[in-house]
C-alpha atoms as a PDB file:
ATOM      1  CA  MET A   1     -23.870   8.871-276.943  1.00  0.00           C
ATOM      2  CA  VAL A   2     -25.375  11.359-278.123  1.00  0.00           C
ATOM      3  CA  THR A   3     -23.317  10.809-281.903  1.00  0.00           C
ATOM      4  CA  GLU A   4     -24.965   7.255-282.245  1.00  0.00           C
ATOM      5  CA  VAL A   5     -28.547   8.192-281.405  1.00  0.00           C
ATOM      6  CA  ARG A   6     -27.878  10.944-284.088  1.00  0.00           C
ATOM      7  CA  ALA A   7     -26.783   8.372-286.185  1.00  0.00           C
ATOM      8  CA  VAL A   8     -29.415   5.716-285.744  1.00  0.00           C
ATOM      9  CA  GLU A   9     -32.170   8.664-286.501  1.00  0.00           C
ATOM     10  CA  PRO A  10     -31.911   8.510-290.473  1.00  0.00           C
ATOM     11  CA  ALA A  11     -31.520   5.033-290.626  1.00  0.00           C
ATOM     12  CA  LYS A  12     -34.812   4.241-288.827  1.00  0.00           C
ATOM     13  CA  ARG A  13     -36.305   7.092-291.187  1.00  0.00           C
ATOM     14  CA  ASP A  14     -34.505   5.024-294.275  1.00  0.00           C
ATOM     15  CA  ALA A  15     -36.218   1.694-293.206  1.00  0.00           C
ATOM     16  CA  HIS A  16     -39.467   3.348-292.468  1.00  0.00           C
ATOM     17  CA  ALA A  17     -39.628   4.752-295.911  1.00  0.00           C
ATOM     18  CA  ILE A  18     -38.556   1.175-297.749  1.00  0.00           C
ATOM     19  CA  GLU A  19     -41.631  -0.473-296.025  1.00  0.00           C
ATOM     20  CA  PRO A  20     -43.925  -1.360-298.320  1.00  0.00           C
ATOM     21  CA  HIS A  21     -47.525   0.539-298.624  1.00  0.00           C
ATOM     22  CA  HIS A  22     -50.870  -1.064-297.529  1.00  0.00           C
ATOM     23  CA  ARG A  23     -53.117  -1.933-299.925  1.00  0.00           C
ATOM     24  CA  PRO A  24     -56.322  -0.892-298.977  1.00  0.00           C
ATOM     25  CA  LYS A  25     -58.430  -1.382-302.234  1.00  0.00           C
ATOM     26  CA  LEU A  26     -57.253  -4.917-301.781  1.00  0.00           C
ATOM     27  CA  MET A  27     -58.352  -5.888-298.275  1.00  0.00           C
ATOM     28  CA  ALA A  28     -61.506  -4.286-299.065  1.00  0.00           C
ATOM     29  CA  ALA A  29     -62.112  -6.426-302.169  1.00  0.00           C
ATOM     30  CA  LEU A  30     -60.695  -9.904-299.945  1.00  0.00           C
ATOM     31  CA  ALA A  31     -63.314  -8.888-297.092  1.00  0.00           C
ATOM     32  CA  ILE A  32     -66.215  -7.925-299.178  1.00  0.00           C
ATOM     33  CA  ALA A  33     -65.587 -11.267-301.146  1.00  0.00           C
ATOM     34  CA  THR A  34     -64.930 -13.116-297.424  1.00  0.00           C
ATOM     35  CA  LEU A  35     -68.283 -11.543-296.280  1.00  0.00           C
ATOM     36  CA  ALA A  36     -70.441 -12.713-299.384  1.00  0.00           C
ATOM     37  CA  ALA A  37     -69.018 -16.211-299.146  1.00  0.00           C
ATOM     38  CA  LEU A  38     -70.538 -16.225-295.390  1.00  0.00           C
ATOM     39  CA  THR A  39     -73.407 -14.764-296.589  1.00  0.00           C
ATOM     40  CA  VAL A  40     -74.328 -17.486-299.093  1.00  0.00           C
ATOM     41  CA  GLY A  41     -73.602 -19.800-296.556  1.00  0.00           C
ATOM     42  CA  LEU A  42     -75.777 -19.005-293.952  1.00  0.00           C
ATOM     43  CA  LEU A  43     -78.633 -18.605-296.376  1.00  0.00           C
ATOM     44  CA  ARG A  44     -78.139 -21.794-297.562  1.00  0.00           C
ATOM     45  CA  LEU A  45     -78.173 -23.804-294.396  1.00  0.00           C
ATOM     46  CA  PRO A  46     -80.562 -26.730-293.977  1.00  0.00           C
ATOM     47  CA  ARG A  47     -83.764 -26.134-292.988  1.00  0.00           C
ATOM     48  CA  GLU A  48     -86.118 -28.023-290.313  1.00  0.00           C
ATOM     49  CA  ASN A  49     -88.159 -29.600-293.226  1.00  0.00           C
ATOM     50  CA  VAL A  50     -84.323 -30.395-294.827  1.00  0.00           C
ATOM     51  CA  THR A  51     -83.379 -34.282-295.581  1.00  0.00           C
ATOM     52  CA  LEU A  52     -81.035 -35.672-292.956  1.00  0.00           C
ATOM     53  CA  PRO A  53     -77.457 -36.246-294.612  1.00  0.00           C
ATOM     54  CA  ASP A  54     -76.828 -40.094-294.298  1.00  0.00           C
ATOM     55  CA  ILE A  55     -74.050 -39.607-291.369  1.00  0.00           C
ATOM     56  CA  ALA A  56     -76.329 -37.480-289.633  1.00  0.00           C
ATOM     57  CA  ARG A  57     -79.305 -40.499-290.379  1.00  0.00           C
ATOM     58  CA  TYR A  58     -76.801 -43.520-289.289  1.00  0.00           C
ATOM     59  CA  ALA A  59     -75.774 -41.472-285.591  1.00  0.00           C
ATOM     60  CA  LEU A  60     -79.506 -41.122-285.018  1.00  0.00           C
ATOM     61  CA  GLU A  61     -80.286 -44.700-285.513  1.00  0.00           C
ATOM     62  CA  ILE A  62     -77.689 -46.223-283.573  1.00  0.00           C
ATOM     63  CA  ALA A  63     -76.614 -43.630-280.632  1.00  0.00           C
ATOM     64  CA  LEU A  64     -79.773 -44.643-278.145  1.00  0.00           C
ATOM     65  CA  PRO A  65     -80.407 -48.342-279.249  1.00  0.00           C
ATOM     66  CA  GLN A  66     -76.694 -49.419-279.460  1.00  0.00           C
ATOM     67  CA  TRP A  67     -74.367 -46.754-277.475  1.00  0.00           C
ATOM     68  CA  LYS A  68     -77.531 -45.871-274.948  1.00  0.00           C
ATOM     69  CA  THR A  69     -76.385 -42.305-275.382  1.00  0.00           C
ATOM     70  CA  THR A  70     -79.163 -39.439-276.304  1.00  0.00           C
ATOM     71  CA  GLU A  71     -76.380 -37.313-277.917  1.00  0.00           C
ATOM     72  CA  PRO A  72     -75.195 -38.287-281.686  1.00  0.00           C
ATOM     73  CA  VAL A  73     -72.893 -35.885-281.877  1.00  0.00           C
ATOM     74  CA  ASN A  74     -70.377 -37.762-279.191  1.00  0.00           C
ATOM     75  CA  GLU A  75     -71.811 -40.640-280.933  1.00  0.00           C
ATOM     76  CA  ILE A  76     -70.205 -39.624-284.252  1.00  0.00           C
ATOM     77  CA  VAL A  77     -67.103 -37.757-282.329  1.00  0.00           C
ATOM     78  CA  TYR A  78     -66.026 -40.818-280.351  1.00  0.00           C
ATOM     79  CA  GLY A  79     -67.224 -43.679-282.152  1.00  0.00           C
ATOM     80  CA  THR A  80     -68.565 -43.780-285.808  1.00  0.00           C
ATOM     81  CA  ARG A  81     -66.069 -41.478-286.809  1.00  0.00           C
ATOM     82  CA  GLY A  82     -63.927 -42.038-283.714  1.00  0.00           C
ATOM     83  CA  PHE A  83     -60.536 -43.477-285.951  1.00  0.00           C
ATOM     84  CA  ASP A  84     -60.407 -39.261-287.012  1.00  0.00           C
ATOM     85  CA  THR A  85     -60.336 -37.987-283.766  1.00  0.00           C
ATOM     86  CA  PHE A  86     -57.670 -40.211-282.831  1.00  0.00           C
ATOM     87  CA  GLY A  87     -56.014 -38.943-285.623  1.00  0.00           C
ATOM     88  CA  GLU A  88     -56.342 -35.297-284.599  1.00  0.00           C
ATOM     89  CA  THR A  89     -55.200 -36.291-281.320  1.00  0.00           C
ATOM     90  CA  PHE A  90     -51.854 -37.375-281.889  1.00  0.00           C
ATOM     91  CA  LEU A  91     -51.667 -34.204-284.373  1.00  0.00           C
ATOM     92  CA  LEU A  92     -52.109 -32.146-281.484  1.00  0.00           C
ATOM     93  CA  LEU A  93     -49.577 -34.635-280.006  1.00  0.00           C
ATOM     94  CA  ALA A  94     -46.886 -33.934-282.399  1.00  0.00           C
ATOM     95  CA  ALA A  95     -47.162 -30.037-282.161  1.00  0.00           C
ATOM     96  CA  VAL A  96     -47.051 -30.033-278.763  1.00  0.00           C
ATOM     97  CA  VAL A  97     -43.591 -32.075-279.254  1.00  0.00           C
ATOM     98  CA  SER A  98     -42.589 -29.548-282.371  1.00  0.00           C
ATOM     99  CA  VAL A  99     -43.545 -26.508-279.898  1.00  0.00           C
ATOM    100  CA  LEU A 100     -41.210 -28.193-277.137  1.00  0.00           C
ATOM    101  CA  THR A 101     -38.413 -28.764-279.542  1.00  0.00           C
ATOM    102  CA  LEU A 102     -38.303 -25.205-280.792  1.00  0.00           C
ATOM    103  CA  ALA A 103     -38.565 -23.243-277.294  1.00  0.00           C
ATOM    104  CA  ARG A 104     -36.050 -26.049-275.761  1.00  0.00           C
ATOM    105  CA  PRO A 105     -33.218 -24.187-274.076  1.00  0.00           C
ATOM    106  CA  ARG A 106     -29.725 -23.959-275.811  1.00  0.00           C
ATOM    107  CA  GLU A 107     -27.630 -26.908-275.739  1.00  0.00           C
ATOM    108  CA  PRO A 108     -24.750 -26.618-272.884  1.00  0.00           C
ATOM    109  CA  ARG A 109     -21.215 -26.495-274.161  1.00  0.00           C
ATOM    110  CA  ARG A 110     -17.972 -26.849-272.627  1.00  0.00           C
ATOM    111  CA  GLU A 111     -15.937 -23.659-271.149  1.00  0.00           C
ATOM    112  CA  TYR A 112     -12.211 -22.738-271.592  1.00  0.00           C
ATOM    113  CA  VAL A 113     -10.613 -21.387-268.349  1.00  0.00           C
ATOM    114  CA  GLY A 114     -11.324 -18.122-268.000  1.00  0.00           C
ATOM    115  CA  GLU A 115     -13.668 -17.639-270.797  1.00  0.00           C
ATOM    116  CA  ALA A 116     -16.303 -15.744-268.024  1.00  0.00           C
ATOM    117  CA  THR A 117     -13.682 -13.211-267.517  1.00  0.00           C
ATOM    118  CA  ALA A 118     -13.361 -12.619-271.080  1.00  0.00           C
ATOM    119  CA  GLY A 119     -16.942 -12.791-271.904  1.00  0.00           C
ATOM    120  CA  ALA A 120     -17.839  -9.981-268.886  1.00  0.00           C
ATOM    121  CA  ALA A 121     -14.955  -7.760-270.246  1.00  0.00           C
ATOM    122  CA  GLU A 122     -16.372  -8.069-273.482  1.00  0.00           C
ATOM    123  CA  GLN A 123     -19.880  -7.313-272.657  1.00  0.00           C
ATOM    124  CA  ALA A 124     -19.018  -4.550-270.555  1.00  0.00           C
ATOM    125  CA  ARG A 125     -17.350  -2.899-273.920  1.00  0.00           C
ATOM    126  CA  ILE A 126     -20.151  -3.516-276.299  1.00  0.00           C
ATOM    127  CA  ASP A 127     -22.960  -2.873-273.934  1.00  0.00           C
ATOM    128  CA  PRO A 128     -21.310  -1.072-270.802  1.00  0.00           C
ATOM    129  CA  HIS A 129     -23.042  -0.387-267.709  1.00  0.00           C
ATOM    130  CA  ASP A 130     -21.796   2.942-266.492  1.00  0.00           C
ATOM    131  CA  ASP A 131     -23.424   6.573-265.710  1.00  0.00           C
ATOM    132  CA  ARG A 132     -23.959   7.247-269.435  1.00  0.00           C
ATOM    133  CA  LEU A 133     -26.835   5.207-269.179  1.00  0.00           C
ATOM    134  CA  SER A 134     -30.000   7.454-268.557  1.00  0.00           C
ATOM    135  CA  SER A 135     -32.182   6.600-264.966  1.00  0.00           C
ATOM    136  CA  ALA A 136     -34.733   5.204-266.635  1.00  0.00           C
ATOM    137  CA  GLU A 137     -32.671   2.599-268.505  1.00  0.00           C
ATOM    138  CA  ALA A 138     -31.008   2.111-265.594  1.00  0.00           C
ATOM    139  CA  ALA A 139     -34.301   1.366-263.392  1.00  0.00           C
ATOM    140  CA  ALA A 140     -35.424  -1.093-266.530  1.00  0.00           C
ATOM    141  CA  ARG A 141     -31.895  -3.065-266.098  1.00  0.00           C
ATOM    142  CA  ARG A 142     -32.136  -3.232-262.214  1.00  0.00           C
ATOM    143  CA  ALA A 143     -35.798  -4.767-262.785  1.00  0.00           C
ATOM    144  CA  GLU A 144     -34.985  -7.424-265.603  1.00  0.00           C
ATOM    145  CA  GLN A 145     -32.136  -8.628-263.044  1.00  0.00           C
ATOM    146  CA  ALA A 146     -34.274  -8.810-260.459  1.00  0.00           C
ATOM    147  CA  GLU A 147     -37.034 -10.426-262.561  1.00  0.00           C
ATOM    148  CA  GLU A 148     -34.562 -13.083-263.710  1.00  0.00           C
ATOM    149  CA  SER A 149     -33.023 -13.928-260.094  1.00  0.00           C
ATOM    150  CA  GLU A 150     -34.532 -16.506-258.193  1.00  0.00           C
ATOM    151  CA  THR A 151     -33.741 -14.601-255.269  1.00  0.00           C
ATOM    152  CA  GLY A 152     -35.281 -11.163-256.923  1.00  0.00           C
ATOM    153  CA  GLU A 153     -37.275  -9.224-254.918  1.00  0.00           C
ATOM    154  CA  PHE A 154     -40.747  -9.138-256.413  1.00  0.00           C
ATOM    155  CA  ILE A 155     -43.322  -6.000-255.248  1.00  0.00           C
ATOM    156  CA  PRO A 156     -46.660  -7.479-255.082  1.00  0.00           C
ATOM    157  CA  ALA A 157     -49.102  -5.276-256.708  1.00  0.00           C
ATOM    158  CA  ASP A 158     -51.466  -4.417-253.320  1.00  0.00           C
ATOM    159  CA  ARG A 159     -48.256  -2.949-252.382  1.00  0.00           C
ATOM    160  CA  SER A 160     -47.171  -0.473-255.183  1.00  0.00           C
ATOM    161  CA  ARG A 161     -48.318   2.726-254.750  1.00  0.00           C
ATOM    162  CA  LEU A 162     -50.426   4.612-257.760  1.00  0.00           C
ATOM    163  CA  GLY A 163     -48.555   6.432-260.115  1.00  0.00           C
ATOM    164  CA  THR A 164     -45.591   5.015-259.141  1.00  0.00           C
ATOM    165  CA  PRO A 165     -42.375   5.762-261.236  1.00  0.00           C
ATOM    166  CA  GLY A 166     -40.174   2.832-262.991  1.00  0.00           C
ATOM    167  CA  PRO A 167     -40.659  -0.017-264.981  1.00  0.00           C
ATOM    168  CA  GLU A 168     -44.081  -2.445-263.452  1.00  0.00           C
ATOM    169  CA  ARG A 169     -42.587  -5.285-261.759  1.00  0.00           C
ATOM    170  CA  SER A 170     -45.467  -6.896-259.633  1.00  0.00           C
ATOM    171  CA  PRO A 171     -45.496 -10.538-260.729  1.00  0.00           C
ATOM    172  CA  GLU A 172     -49.511 -10.426-260.277  1.00  0.00           C
ATOM    173  CA  MET A 173     -52.737  -7.966-261.091  1.00  0.00           C
ATOM    174  CA  THR A 174     -54.853  -5.436-258.931  1.00  0.00           C
ATOM    175  CA  VAL A 175     -56.842  -7.241-256.490  1.00  0.00           C
ATOM    176  CA  VAL A 176     -59.918  -6.787-258.451  1.00  0.00           C
ATOM    177  CA  VAL A 177     -58.918  -8.980-261.039  1.00  0.00           C
ATOM    178  CA  ARG A 178     -57.576 -11.336-258.780  1.00  0.00           C
ATOM    179  CA  ILE A 179     -60.628 -11.873-257.143  1.00  0.00           C
ATOM    180  CA  ALA A 180     -62.231 -11.867-260.590  1.00  0.00           C
ATOM    181  CA  ALA A 181     -60.068 -14.855-261.486  1.00  0.00           C
ATOM    182  CA  ARG A 182     -59.944 -16.813-258.456  1.00  0.00           C
ATOM    183  CA  SER A 183     -64.042 -16.833-258.594  1.00  0.00           C
ATOM    184  CA  ALA A 184     -64.563 -17.486-262.087  1.00  0.00           C
ATOM    185  CA  ALA A 185     -61.567 -20.480-262.384  1.00  0.00           C
ATOM    186  CA  PRO A 186     -63.662 -23.087-260.209  1.00  0.00           C
ATOM    187  CA  VAL A 187     -66.707 -22.134-262.520  1.00  0.00           C
ATOM    188  CA  LEU A 188     -64.547 -23.100-266.040  1.00  0.00           C
ATOM    189  CA  ALA A 189     -62.834 -25.781-264.177  1.00  0.00           C
ATOM    190  CA  VAL A 190     -66.307 -27.301-263.487  1.00  0.00           C
ATOM    191  CA  VAL A 191     -68.228 -26.575-266.531  1.00  0.00           C
ATOM    192  CA  ALA A 192     -65.074 -28.264-268.510  1.00  0.00           C
ATOM    193  CA  VAL A 193     -65.744 -31.465-265.995  1.00  0.00           C
ATOM    194  CA  TYR A 194     -69.471 -31.307-266.781  1.00  0.00           C
ATOM    195  CA  LEU A 195     -68.590 -31.031-270.897  1.00  0.00           C
ATOM    196  CA  VAL A 196     -66.642 -34.905-270.865  1.00  0.00           C
ATOM    197  CA  ALA A 197     -68.950 -36.697-267.907  1.00  0.00           C
ATOM    198  CA  TRP A 198     -72.312 -36.220-268.944  1.00  0.00           C
ATOM    199  CA  GLY A 199     -72.267 -38.150-272.768  1.00  0.00           C
ATOM    200  CA  TYR A 200     -75.979 -37.151-273.432  1.00  0.00           C
ATOM    201  CA  SER A 201     -75.228 -33.348-273.711  1.00  0.00           C
ATOM    202  CA  PRO A 202     -72.603 -31.922-276.080  1.00  0.00           C
ATOM    203  CA  GLY A 203     -69.424 -31.791-275.502  1.00  0.00           C
ATOM    204  CA  GLY A 204     -66.124 -34.144-274.937  1.00  0.00           C
ATOM    205  CA  GLY A 205     -62.049 -34.322-274.344  1.00  0.00           C
ATOM    206  CA  PHE A 206     -61.466 -31.620-276.578  1.00  0.00           C
ATOM    207  CA  PRO A 207     -63.582 -28.717-275.583  1.00  0.00           C
ATOM    208  CA  GLY A 208     -63.319 -29.703-272.271  1.00  0.00           C
ATOM    209  CA  GLY A 209     -59.635 -30.008-272.233  1.00  0.00           C
ATOM    210  CA  ALA A 210     -59.412 -26.218-273.834  1.00  0.00           C
ATOM    211  CA  ALA A 211     -61.213 -24.873-271.276  1.00  0.00           C
ATOM    212  CA  LEU A 212     -59.157 -26.442-268.483  1.00  0.00           C
ATOM    213  CA  ALA A 213     -55.945 -25.280-270.064  1.00  0.00           C
ATOM    214  CA  GLY A 214     -57.944 -21.592-270.689  1.00  0.00           C
ATOM    215  CA  VAL A 215     -58.376 -21.882-266.376  1.00  0.00           C
ATOM    216  CA  VAL A 216     -54.442 -21.962-266.257  1.00  0.00           C
ATOM    217  CA  VAL A 217     -53.640 -19.618-268.377  1.00  0.00           C
ATOM    218  CA  LEU A 218     -56.032 -17.023-266.418  1.00  0.00           C
ATOM    219  CA  LEU A 219     -54.657 -18.174-262.820  1.00  0.00           C
ATOM    220  CA  TYR A 220     -51.002 -17.287-264.511  1.00  0.00           C
ATOM    221  CA  ALA A 221     -52.594 -13.872-266.096  1.00  0.00           C
ATOM    222  CA  ALA A 222     -53.873 -13.016-262.575  1.00  0.00           C
ATOM    223  CA  LEU A 223     -51.954 -14.688-260.033  1.00  0.00           C
ATOM    224  CA  GLY A 224     -48.424 -14.441-262.127  1.00  0.00           C
ATOM    225  CA  TYR A 225     -46.430 -17.722-261.897  1.00  0.00           C
ATOM    226  CA  ARG A 226     -45.429 -18.575-258.588  1.00  0.00           C
ATOM    227  CA  ALA A 227     -49.000 -19.316-258.301  1.00  0.00           C
ATOM    228  CA  VAL A 228     -48.818 -22.137-260.903  1.00  0.00           C
ATOM    229  CA  ARG A 229     -45.544 -23.039-261.603  1.00  0.00           C
ATOM    230  CA  GLY A 230     -46.337 -26.143-259.115  1.00  0.00           C
ATOM    231  CA  ALA A 231     -48.629 -27.411-261.454  1.00  0.00           C
ATOM    232  CA  VAL A 232     -47.257 -26.757-265.113  1.00  0.00           C
ATOM    233  CA  ARG A 233     -43.771 -28.290-264.489  1.00  0.00           C
ATOM    234  CA  PRO A 234     -43.150 -30.661-267.786  1.00  0.00           C
ATOM    235  CA  ALA A 235     -42.093 -32.917-264.918  1.00  0.00           C
ATOM    236  CA  VAL A 236     -45.575 -33.128-263.930  1.00  0.00           C
ATOM    237  CA  LEU A 237     -47.697 -32.934-267.439  1.00  0.00           C
ATOM    238  CA  GLU A 238     -45.535 -34.209-269.623  1.00  0.00           C
ATOM    239  CA  PRO A 239     -46.318 -38.338-267.871  1.00  0.00           C
ATOM    240  CA  VAL A 240     -50.231 -37.150-267.668  1.00  0.00           C
ATOM    241  CA  GLU A 241     -50.290 -36.059-271.535  1.00  0.00           C
ATOM    242  CA  LEU A 242     -48.616 -39.355-272.227  1.00  0.00           C
ATOM    243  CA  GLY A 243     -50.922 -41.629-270.235  1.00  0.00           C
ATOM    244  CA  GLY A 244     -54.046 -39.719-271.900  1.00  0.00           C
ATOM    245  CA  ALA A 245     -52.415 -41.094-274.994  1.00  0.00           C
ATOM    246  CA  ALA A 246     -51.698 -44.193-274.197  1.00  0.00           C
ATOM    247  CA  ALA A 247     -55.149 -44.435-273.008  1.00  0.00           C
ATOM    248  CA  ILE A 248     -56.419 -43.946-275.943  1.00  0.00           C
ATOM    249  CA  ILE A 249     -54.625 -46.171-277.790  1.00  0.00           C
ATOM    250  CA  VAL A 250     -55.281 -49.123-275.390  1.00  0.00           C
ATOM    251  CA  ILE A 251     -59.668 -47.816-275.897  1.00  0.00           C
ATOM    252  CA  VAL A 252     -58.326 -48.271-279.669  1.00  0.00           C
ATOM    253  CA  LEU A 253     -57.059 -51.327-280.026  1.00  0.00           C
ATOM    254  CA  LEU A 254     -59.043 -53.079-277.486  1.00  0.00           C
ATOM    255  CA  GLY A 255     -61.908 -52.352-279.406  1.00  0.00           C
ATOM    256  CA  LEU A 256     -59.955 -53.718-282.037  1.00  0.00           C
ATOM    257  CA  LEU A 257     -58.819 -56.842-280.294  1.00  0.00           C
ATOM    258  CA  LEU A 258     -62.513 -57.331-278.596  1.00  0.00           C
ATOM    259  CA  LYS A 259     -64.882 -56.535-281.000  1.00  0.00           C
ATOM    260  CA  GLY A 260     -63.289 -56.603-284.290  1.00  0.00           C
ATOM    261  CA  SER A 261     -63.567 -52.384-284.662  1.00  0.00           C
ATOM    262  CA  VAL A 262     -61.377 -49.510-284.403  1.00  0.00           C
ATOM    263  CA  THR A 263     -63.369 -47.963-281.598  1.00  0.00           C
ATOM    264  CA  ALA A 264     -66.064 -49.991-280.926  1.00  0.00           C
ATOM    265  CA  ASN A 265     -67.872 -50.417-277.334  1.00  0.00           C
ATOM    266  CA  TRP A 266     -66.339 -53.459-275.603  1.00  0.00           C
ATOM    267  CA  VAL A 267     -67.890 -51.411-271.916  1.00  0.00           C
ATOM    268  CA  PRO A 268     -70.884 -52.496-270.307  1.00  0.00           C
ATOM    269  CA  LEU A 269     -73.240 -49.789-271.725  1.00  0.00           C
ATOM    270  CA  ALA A 270     -75.686 -47.828-268.836  1.00  0.00           C
ATOM    271  CA  GLN A 271     -78.801 -46.509-268.333  1.00  0.00           C
ATOM    272  CA  PRO A 272     -78.957 -43.730-271.119  1.00  0.00           C
ATOM    273  CA  GLU A 273     -78.797 -39.824-269.583  1.00  0.00           C
ATOM    274  CA  THR A 274     -76.264 -41.535-266.442  1.00  0.00           C
ATOM    275  CA  ILE A 275     -72.455 -40.491-267.095  1.00  0.00           C
ATOM    276  CA  ARG A 276     -71.535 -44.273-267.394  1.00  0.00           C
ATOM    277  CA  SER A 277     -74.046 -43.663-270.600  1.00  0.00           C
ATOM    278  CA  GLY A 278     -72.449 -44.331-274.171  1.00  0.00           C
ATOM    279  CA  GLY A 279     -69.541 -46.846-272.540  1.00  0.00           C
ATOM    280  CA  VAL A 280     -66.279 -46.170-274.318  1.00  0.00           C
ATOM    281  CA  LEU A 281     -67.183 -42.978-275.762  1.00  0.00           C
ATOM    282  CA  GLN A 282     -66.979 -41.842-272.066  1.00  0.00           C
ATOM    283  CA  LEU A 283     -63.905 -43.539-271.647  1.00  0.00           C
ATOM    284  CA  PHE A 284     -62.388 -42.135-274.917  1.00  0.00           C
ATOM    285  CA  SER A 285     -63.504 -38.790-274.169  1.00  0.00           C
ATOM    286  CA  VAL A 286     -62.308 -38.732-270.936  1.00  0.00           C
ATOM    287  CA  SER A 287     -58.506 -40.286-272.163  1.00  0.00           C
ATOM    288  CA  GLU A 288     -59.267 -36.484-274.494  1.00  0.00           C
ATOM    289  CA  LEU A 289     -59.988 -34.202-271.693  1.00  0.00           C
ATOM    290  CA  ILE A 290     -56.434 -35.468-270.397  1.00  0.00           C
ATOM    291  CA  GLU A 291     -54.453 -35.290-273.252  1.00  0.00           C
ATOM    292  CA  VAL A 292     -55.943 -32.058-274.735  1.00  0.00           C
ATOM    293  CA  SER A 293     -55.054 -29.954-271.525  1.00  0.00           C
ATOM    294  CA  THR A 294     -52.318 -30.970-270.700  1.00  0.00           C
ATOM    295  CA  GLY A 295     -50.984 -30.870-274.017  1.00  0.00           C
ATOM    296  CA  ILE A 296     -51.987 -27.462-274.801  1.00  0.00           C
ATOM    297  CA  THR A 297     -50.630 -26.252-271.423  1.00  0.00           C
ATOM    298  CA  ILE A 298     -47.500 -27.756-272.110  1.00  0.00           C
ATOM    299  CA  ALA A 299     -46.957 -25.957-275.328  1.00  0.00           C
ATOM    300  CA  ILE A 300     -48.283 -22.492-273.763  1.00  0.00           C
ATOM    301  CA  PHE A 301     -45.963 -22.602-270.875  1.00  0.00           C
ATOM    302  CA  ALA A 302     -42.752 -23.648-273.106  1.00  0.00           C
ATOM    303  CA  LEU A 303     -43.573 -20.716-275.454  1.00  0.00           C
ATOM    304  CA  LEU A 304     -44.039 -18.246-272.435  1.00  0.00           C
ATOM    305  CA  GLY A 305     -40.206 -19.382-270.909  1.00  0.00           C
ATOM    306  CA  MET A 306     -38.802 -18.936-274.036  1.00  0.00           C
ATOM    307  CA  ARG A 307     -35.652 -17.054-273.147  1.00  0.00           C
ATOM    308  CA  HIS A 308     -34.087 -17.398-276.888  1.00  0.00           C
ATOM    309  CA  GLU A 309     -34.065 -16.886-280.489  1.00  0.00           C
ATOM    310  CA  TRP A 310     -33.884 -18.871-283.185  1.00  0.00           C
ATOM    311  CA  THR A 311     -33.561 -15.970-285.944  1.00  0.00           C
ATOM    312  CA  PRO A 312     -30.123 -14.364-286.013  1.00  0.00           C
ATOM    313  CA  ASP A 313     -29.660 -10.665-284.682  1.00  0.00           C
ATOM    314  CA  GLU A 314     -30.789  -7.467-287.172  1.00  0.00           C
ATOM    315  CA  ASN A 315     -26.887  -6.546-286.679  1.00  0.00           C
ATOM    316  CA  GLN A 316     -25.433 -10.188-287.591  1.00  0.00           C
ATOM    317  CA  THR A 317     -27.445  -9.858-290.662  1.00  0.00           C
ATOM    318  CA  GLU A 318     -26.130  -6.915-291.493  1.00  0.00           C
ATOM    319  CA  LYS A 319     -22.548  -7.479-290.638  1.00  0.00           C
ATOM    320  CA  GLY A 320     -22.870 -10.904-292.838  1.00  0.00           C
ATOM    321  CA  ARG A 321     -24.362  -8.883-295.977  1.00  0.00           C
ATOM    322  CA  SER A 322     -21.213  -6.077-295.320  1.00  0.00           C
END
């Protein structure tokens, strides 16, 4: 064991010696150029006396008379340029499918009789679990085995004494963090829904969906996976996401069939500054909330649950080169 450690140290030093050096002058030049571009853009922003662009003037002219909404930004996103939003939504859906494809578990294969015994013998020979392991490494392996097992014993954060040696095995954070997360989560969820429900205020399905996904991630980070696993299972989220995407398609097609234009309004308009003001804009925005929130959540937890590497191990790469 000592011989192996001595042999690894020179290799680490050699690998560190051939690493490329940082280029501080180049980084400083790029940072200055970026700052200059941002400064010029800030100074050239239109002021209050500048003529509005055509798209902004058009949105102001039709937002209230035709859509009964006092928020022209939502009219542009889900009305005048609704087809762009439609494309962006399905780009997000394609990204989620790509993440699921890369994060999927490896395909099962048929085993031959005695393969488990042979694999265990080979594992014991390559990576022995015996007394030669240090106490810290042995404790770390026991903790990993307990966390990977369905029946593994988890120690709540409140029951683990401060300064306890050994690896951290608690699936949740301290009581202060958990109380803060429980207090903030309802507020953030209400804000996310508010961004979508009130069509006469800036917002919409994209920021609202991202905020809802952030609430789920916050609860996962503070309370552990067991607190959110019932809501983030693919069997629950995937049908909901597909339902949101299907609703968007139906809204777009009905506008084309009934009014002759994609994303045209075909819903009776309500009074301005009410939840139902904006007609189809609100339906589009709510469907966006469903699709974006579930899609982002699926992608995040697919990456968190990925237990394999798609790249070859360093040892296998070195063996192939030799």
